[in-house]
Protein backbone atom coordinates (compact mmCIF):
# COMPACT_ATOMS: atom_id res chain seq x y z
CA UNK A 1 25.42 -4.62 14.27
CA UNK A 2 24.87 -7.78 16.30
CA UNK A 3 22.47 -10.41 14.99
CA UNK A 4 20.38 -10.24 18.17
CA UNK A 5 19.30 -6.66 17.38
CA UNK A 6 17.48 -7.72 14.22
CA UNK A 7 13.76 -7.23 14.80
CA UNK A 8 11.77 -9.62 12.59
CA UNK A 9 8.37 -8.63 11.28
CA UNK A 10 5.34 -10.88 11.75
CA UNK A 11 5.01 -13.50 9.08
CA UNK A 12 2.57 -16.38 8.92
CA UNK A 13 4.67 -18.86 6.93
CA UNK A 14 6.78 -21.12 9.12
CA UNK A 15 9.43 -23.11 7.31
CA UNK A 16 11.58 -25.88 8.69
CA UNK A 17 15.11 -24.64 8.12
CA UNK A 18 18.19 -26.82 8.33
CA UNK A 19 21.41 -25.19 9.53
CA UNK A 20 24.44 -26.19 7.48
CA UNK A 21 26.69 -26.19 10.53
CA UNK A 22 26.36 -26.45 14.26
CA UNK A 23 26.76 -22.96 15.77
CA UNK A 24 28.26 -24.52 18.90
CA UNK A 25 31.38 -25.37 16.88
CA UNK A 26 31.99 -21.69 16.09
CA UNK A 27 33.87 -19.98 18.89
CA UNK A 28 33.28 -16.38 17.77
CA UNK A 29 29.64 -15.45 17.10
CA UNK A 30 30.75 -12.40 15.09
CA UNK A 31 31.84 -14.86 12.37
CA UNK A 32 28.28 -16.04 11.72
CA UNK A 33 26.80 -15.12 8.35
CA UNK A 34 23.25 -15.90 7.26
CA UNK A 35 22.48 -16.42 3.57
CA UNK A 36 19.03 -16.93 2.05
CA UNK A 37 18.46 -18.00 -1.55
CA UNK A 38 15.08 -17.41 -3.19
CA UNK A 39 13.66 -18.11 -6.64
CA UNK A 40 11.28 -15.22 -7.22
CA UNK A 41 9.62 -16.59 -10.40
CA UNK A 42 10.00 -13.82 -12.93
CA UNK A 43 6.81 -12.03 -13.86
CA UNK A 44 7.59 -12.67 -17.53
CA UNK A 45 7.34 -16.46 -16.89
CA UNK A 46 3.88 -16.29 -15.32
CA UNK A 47 1.72 -16.67 -18.39
CA UNK A 48 -1.93 -17.57 -18.58
CA UNK A 49 -1.27 -21.24 -19.42
CA UNK A 50 1.63 -21.70 -17.01
CA UNK A 51 0.98 -22.78 -13.43
CA UNK A 52 -2.69 -23.60 -14.01
CA UNK A 53 -2.88 -25.01 -10.47
CA UNK A 54 -2.12 -21.57 -9.01
CA UNK A 55 -4.76 -18.90 -8.46
CA UNK A 56 -4.60 -15.57 -10.28
CA UNK A 57 -3.86 -13.90 -6.93
CA UNK A 58 -0.71 -15.96 -6.41
CA UNK A 59 0.42 -15.25 -9.97
CA UNK A 60 0.07 -11.50 -9.45
CA UNK A 61 3.54 -9.98 -9.07
CA UNK A 62 2.46 -7.32 -6.57
CA UNK A 63 1.01 -9.98 -4.27
CA UNK A 64 4.05 -12.24 -4.62
CA UNK A 65 6.46 -9.33 -4.14
CA UNK A 66 4.69 -8.35 -0.92
CA UNK A 67 4.84 -11.93 0.40
CA UNK A 68 8.47 -12.38 -0.62
CA UNK A 69 9.62 -9.15 1.02
CA UNK A 70 7.66 -10.02 4.18
CA UNK A 71 9.41 -13.35 4.39
CA UNK A 72 12.83 -11.85 3.75
CA UNK A 73 12.23 -9.23 6.43
CA UNK A 74 11.17 -11.97 8.84
CA UNK A 75 14.42 -13.89 8.42
CA UNK A 76 16.56 -10.75 7.93
CA UNK A 77 19.61 -12.58 6.53
CA UNK A 78 22.95 -10.90 5.92
CA UNK A 79 22.90 -11.92 2.23
CA UNK A 80 19.87 -12.53 -0.02
CA UNK A 81 20.45 -14.26 -3.36
CA UNK A 82 17.47 -14.11 -5.71
CA UNK A 83 17.01 -15.82 -9.06
CA UNK A 84 14.50 -15.16 -11.87
CA UNK A 85 14.24 -11.48 -11.01
CA UNK A 86 12.86 -9.39 -13.88
CA UNK A 87 11.72 -6.45 -11.76
CA UNK A 88 14.84 -5.69 -9.69
CA UNK A 89 13.73 -2.09 -9.12
CA UNK A 90 10.62 -3.23 -7.22
CA UNK A 91 12.51 -5.67 -5.01
CA UNK A 92 15.35 -3.20 -4.37
CA UNK A 93 12.81 -0.51 -3.48
CA UNK A 94 11.27 -2.80 -0.85
CA UNK A 95 14.50 -2.59 1.12
CA UNK A 96 15.75 0.78 2.25
CA UNK A 97 19.07 1.98 0.85
CA UNK A 98 20.25 2.18 4.46
CA UNK A 99 19.37 -1.51 5.08
CA UNK A 100 20.65 -3.45 2.09
CA UNK A 101 22.99 -2.75 -0.79
CA UNK A 102 22.42 -4.59 -4.04
CA UNK A 103 23.92 -5.90 -7.24
CA UNK A 104 22.02 -7.21 -10.29
CA UNK A 105 23.12 -9.31 -13.28
CA UNK A 106 20.72 -9.80 -16.20
CA UNK A 107 20.72 -13.11 -18.06
CA UNK A 108 22.30 -13.32 -21.50
CA UNK A 109 20.52 -13.88 -24.80
CA UNK A 110 17.91 -11.16 -24.46
CA UNK A 111 16.25 -12.84 -21.48
CA UNK A 112 14.27 -10.52 -19.20
CA UNK A 113 15.33 -11.89 -15.82
CA UNK A 114 18.53 -12.26 -13.84
CA UNK A 115 20.10 -12.58 -10.39
CA UNK A 116 19.75 -10.00 -7.63
CA UNK A 117 21.96 -10.08 -4.56
CA UNK A 118 21.16 -7.93 -1.52
CA UNK A 119 23.65 -7.56 1.33
CA UNK A 120 23.24 -6.12 4.82
CA UNK A 121 25.02 -2.76 4.93
CA UNK A 122 25.49 -2.97 8.71
CA UNK A 123 27.53 -6.15 8.37
CA UNK A 124 29.03 -6.30 4.88
CA UNK A 125 30.94 -4.06 2.51
CA UNK A 126 30.81 -4.74 -1.24
CA UNK A 127 34.31 -4.70 -2.69
CA UNK A 128 33.72 -6.23 -6.11
CA UNK A 129 31.13 -8.13 -8.14
CA UNK A 130 31.53 -10.41 -11.13
CA UNK A 131 28.91 -11.66 -13.56
CA UNK A 132 29.61 -15.20 -14.76
CA UNK A 133 28.00 -16.27 -18.03
CA UNK A 134 27.41 -20.01 -18.23
CA UNK A 135 27.19 -19.69 -22.02
CA UNK A 136 30.80 -18.56 -22.08
CA UNK A 137 31.83 -21.41 -19.80
CA UNK A 138 29.99 -23.97 -21.93
CA UNK A 139 31.35 -22.57 -25.19
CA UNK A 140 34.89 -22.71 -23.83
CA UNK A 141 34.56 -26.42 -23.06
CA UNK A 142 35.04 -28.04 -26.48
CA UNK A 143 33.67 -31.43 -25.39
CA UNK A 144 30.22 -30.06 -24.55
CA UNK A 145 27.32 -29.94 -26.98
CA UNK A 146 26.91 -26.15 -27.29
CA UNK A 147 23.19 -26.16 -28.04
CA UNK A 148 22.42 -28.41 -25.09
CA UNK A 149 24.19 -26.16 -22.61
CA UNK A 150 23.12 -22.78 -24.01
CA UNK A 151 20.55 -21.63 -21.43
CA UNK A 152 21.68 -18.02 -21.04
CA UNK A 153 22.08 -18.52 -17.27
CA UNK A 154 24.32 -16.27 -15.22
CA UNK A 155 25.73 -16.16 -11.72
CA UNK A 156 26.60 -13.13 -9.64
CA UNK A 157 29.68 -13.43 -7.48
């Protein structure tokens, strides 16, 4: 499906976005791919004492989920990479199974959050995914202080 056919929904937040390349240098517009990365702020990290400057409304996951999905629908990127996702079912549900496919990787060490990647089914086909554990990478590098680098972070490729 061509990018021009994407119908954005109304959204009140206007961000200044910086393209990473000049589209005029690309001769074939079918080669364009839009990627949006978003830190969701896991619900498990929003505790009473954290983020004291933020109102209770903004801390509420349902409110934030609604705002996040509205923004993602506004930009309608081909790929959405989300971090600190501890409720992947709610974010996946916000996007129809006919719109976006998804893949989720939970963090190591008993953490409750992880990475969620959504991809436009009209444009992309998922062939393979790989979860990368940074703990494993840090532990395999003998010169690194293991405790310093053990954060239980993961990546989803």
